[in-house]
Amino acid sequence: MKQIHLRVTYRDDGSPFAAYLHLPSKPNEKRAKCRRVEPGMILDINKEGKLIGIELTAPRLVTLGDINKVLEEYGMEPIKEATLKPLLAA
């Protein structure tokens, strides 16, 4: 996957239940380990230590700043608010 995109799962009432931020990765790249980060994030990391995705287990608690702090820690560019638009619209 070459582009960043967000997939959101919603409850019946339309509120977000969980979300997954897909980060650029090679085709069929697999998670080798996970790391829990508060508030409400699980980081998927490949065998080389590269961040390949972020699961948002508490999407209402996670802010753009929280996500960008993690991305910075892994040497990645910050995302813009527009990337989280599907989550913020719920």
C-alpha atoms as a PDB file:
ATOM      1  CA  MET A   1       0.000   0.000   0.000  1.00  0.00           C
ATOM      2  CA  LYS A   2       1.521   3.280  -1.087  1.00  0.00           C
ATOM      3  CA  GLN A   3      -0.887   5.826   0.350  1.00  0.00           C
ATOM      4  CA  ILE A   4      -2.122   6.539   3.841  1.00  0.00           C
ATOM      5  CA  HIS A   5      -5.812   5.884   4.350  1.00  0.00           C
ATOM      6  CA  LEU A   6      -8.207   5.466   7.249  1.00  0.00           C
ATOM      7  CA  ARG A   7     -10.805   2.711   7.624  1.00  0.00           C
ATOM      8  CA  VAL A   8     -13.485   3.265  10.270  1.00  0.00           C
ATOM      9  CA  THR A   9     -15.905   0.724  11.778  1.00  0.00           C
ATOM     10  CA  TYR A  10     -19.119   2.221  13.118  1.00  0.00           C
ATOM     11  CA  ARG A  11     -21.667   1.117  15.719  1.00  0.00           C
ATOM     12  CA  ASP A  12     -25.346   0.857  14.803  1.00  0.00           C
ATOM     13  CA  ASP A  13     -25.907   4.369  16.167  1.00  0.00           C
ATOM     14  CA  GLY A  14     -23.318   5.804  13.779  1.00  0.00           C
ATOM     15  CA  SER A  15     -20.601   6.431  16.344  1.00  0.00           C
ATOM     16  CA  PRO A  16     -17.092   5.127  15.600  1.00  0.00           C
ATOM     17  CA  PHE A  17     -16.216   1.811  17.226  1.00  0.00           C
ATOM     18  CA  ALA A  18     -12.647   1.446  15.960  1.00  0.00           C
ATOM     19  CA  ALA A  19     -10.461   2.680  13.130  1.00  0.00           C
ATOM     20  CA  TYR A  20      -7.300   1.604  11.343  1.00  0.00           C
ATOM     21  CA  LEU A  21      -4.788   3.984   9.814  1.00  0.00           C
ATOM     22  CA  HIS A  22      -3.062   2.165   6.959  1.00  0.00           C
ATOM     23  CA  LEU A  23       0.453   3.495   6.388  1.00  0.00           C
ATOM     24  CA  PRO A  24       2.658   3.082   3.304  1.00  0.00           C
ATOM     25  CA  SER A  25       4.012  -0.473   3.131  1.00  0.00           C
ATOM     26  CA  LYS A  26       5.102  -3.113   0.658  1.00  0.00           C
ATOM     27  CA  PRO A  27       2.508  -5.522  -0.750  1.00  0.00           C
ATOM     28  CA  ASN A  28       1.836  -8.394   1.656  1.00  0.00           C
ATOM     29  CA  GLU A  29       3.986  -6.793   4.366  1.00  0.00           C
ATOM     30  CA  LYS A  30       3.132  -8.415   7.691  1.00  0.00           C
ATOM     31  CA  ARG A  31       3.029  -7.239  11.258  1.00  0.00           C
ATOM     32  CA  ALA A  32       5.782  -8.796  13.368  1.00  0.00           C
ATOM     33  CA  LYS A  33       4.858  -7.161  16.666  1.00  0.00           C
ATOM     34  CA  CYS A  34       2.380  -4.793  18.263  1.00  0.00           C
ATOM     35  CA  ARG A  35       2.921  -1.986  20.724  1.00  0.00           C
ATOM     36  CA  ARG A  36       0.141  -0.433  22.787  1.00  0.00           C
ATOM     37  CA  VAL A  37       0.240   3.348  23.134  1.00  0.00           C
ATOM     38  CA  GLU A  38      -2.173   5.405  25.205  1.00  0.00           C
ATOM     39  CA  PRO A  39      -4.667   6.760  24.582  1.00  0.00           C
ATOM     40  CA  GLY A  40      -6.242   3.900  22.654  1.00  0.00           C
ATOM     41  CA  MET A  41      -3.712   3.009  19.956  1.00  0.00           C
ATOM     42  CA  ILE A  42      -2.070  -0.253  18.935  1.00  0.00           C
ATOM     43  CA  LEU A  43       0.915   0.096  16.617  1.00  0.00           C
ATOM     44  CA  ASP A  44       1.626  -2.572  13.995  1.00  0.00           C
ATOM     45  CA  ILE A  45       5.348  -2.898  13.353  1.00  0.00           C
ATOM     46  CA  ASN A  46       7.081  -5.060  10.742  1.00  0.00           C
ATOM     47  CA  LYS A  47      10.155  -7.236  11.320  1.00  0.00           C
ATOM     48  CA  GLU A  48      12.465  -4.335  10.381  1.00  0.00           C
ATOM     49  CA  GLY A  49      10.869  -2.112  13.041  1.00  0.00           C
ATOM     50  CA  LYS A  50       8.921   0.024  10.547  1.00  0.00           C
ATOM     51  CA  LEU A  51       5.487   1.244  11.549  1.00  0.00           C
ATOM     52  CA  ILE A  52       2.966  -0.120   9.033  1.00  0.00           C
ATOM     53  CA  GLY A  53      -0.359   0.720  10.686  1.00  0.00           C
ATOM     54  CA  ILE A  54      -2.109   2.175  13.705  1.00  0.00           C
ATOM     55  CA  GLU A  55      -5.260   0.665  15.161  1.00  0.00           C
ATOM     56  CA  LEU A  56      -7.390   3.210  16.992  1.00  0.00           C
ATOM     57  CA  THR A  57      -9.184   1.208  19.667  1.00  0.00           C
ATOM     58  CA  ALA A  58     -10.660   4.303  21.310  1.00  0.00           C
ATOM     59  CA  PRO A  59     -11.124   6.619  18.328  1.00  0.00           C
ATOM     60  CA  ARG A  60     -12.920   9.328  20.303  1.00  0.00           C
ATOM     61  CA  LEU A  61      -9.936   9.683  22.654  1.00  0.00           C
ATOM     62  CA  VAL A  62      -7.150   9.793  20.055  1.00  0.00           C
ATOM     63  CA  THR A  63      -6.217  13.198  18.667  1.00  0.00           C
ATOM     64  CA  LEU A  64      -4.376  14.243  15.533  1.00  0.00           C
ATOM     65  CA  GLY A  65      -1.523  15.301  17.828  1.00  0.00           C
ATOM     66  CA  ASP A  66      -1.375  11.821  19.415  1.00  0.00           C
ATOM     67  CA  ILE A  67      -1.088  10.173  16.008  1.00  0.00           C
ATOM     68  CA  ASN A  68       1.483  12.640  14.710  1.00  0.00           C
ATOM     69  CA  LYS A  69       3.596  12.166  17.835  1.00  0.00           C
ATOM     70  CA  VAL A  70       3.765   8.421  17.086  1.00  0.00           C
ATOM     71  CA  LEU A  71       4.534   9.048  13.416  1.00  0.00           C
ATOM     72  CA  GLU A  72       7.344  11.429  14.390  1.00  0.00           C
ATOM     73  CA  GLU A  73       8.777   8.812  16.754  1.00  0.00           C
ATOM     74  CA  TYR A  74       9.045   6.427  13.788  1.00  0.00           C
ATOM     75  CA  GLY A  75      10.552   9.067  11.486  1.00  0.00           C
ATOM     76  CA  MET A  76       7.411   9.537   9.420  1.00  0.00           C
ATOM     77  CA  GLU A  77       5.726  12.678   8.117  1.00  0.00           C
ATOM     78  CA  PRO A  78       2.740  13.978  10.083  1.00  0.00           C
ATOM     79  CA  ILE A  79      -0.739  13.498   8.676  1.00  0.00           C
ATOM     80  CA  LYS A  80      -3.192  16.309   8.050  1.00  0.00           C
ATOM     81  CA  GLU A  81      -6.582  16.655   9.689  1.00  0.00           C
ATOM     82  CA  ALA A  82      -8.237  15.746   6.360  1.00  0.00           C
ATOM     83  CA  THR A  83      -6.924  12.176   6.745  1.00  0.00           C
ATOM     84  CA  LEU A  84      -9.035  11.788   9.877  1.00  0.00           C
ATOM     85  CA  LYS A  85     -12.097  13.456   8.344  1.00  0.00           C
ATOM     86  CA  PRO A  86     -14.191  10.222   8.267  1.00  0.00           C
ATOM     87  CA  LEU A  87     -13.536   9.766  11.982  1.00  0.00           C
ATOM     88  CA  LEU A  88     -14.152  13.387  12.919  1.00  0.00           C
ATOM     89  CA  ALA A  89     -17.408  13.502  10.966  1.00  0.00           C
ATOM     90  CA  ALA A  90     -18.972  10.709  13.073  1.00  0.00           C
END
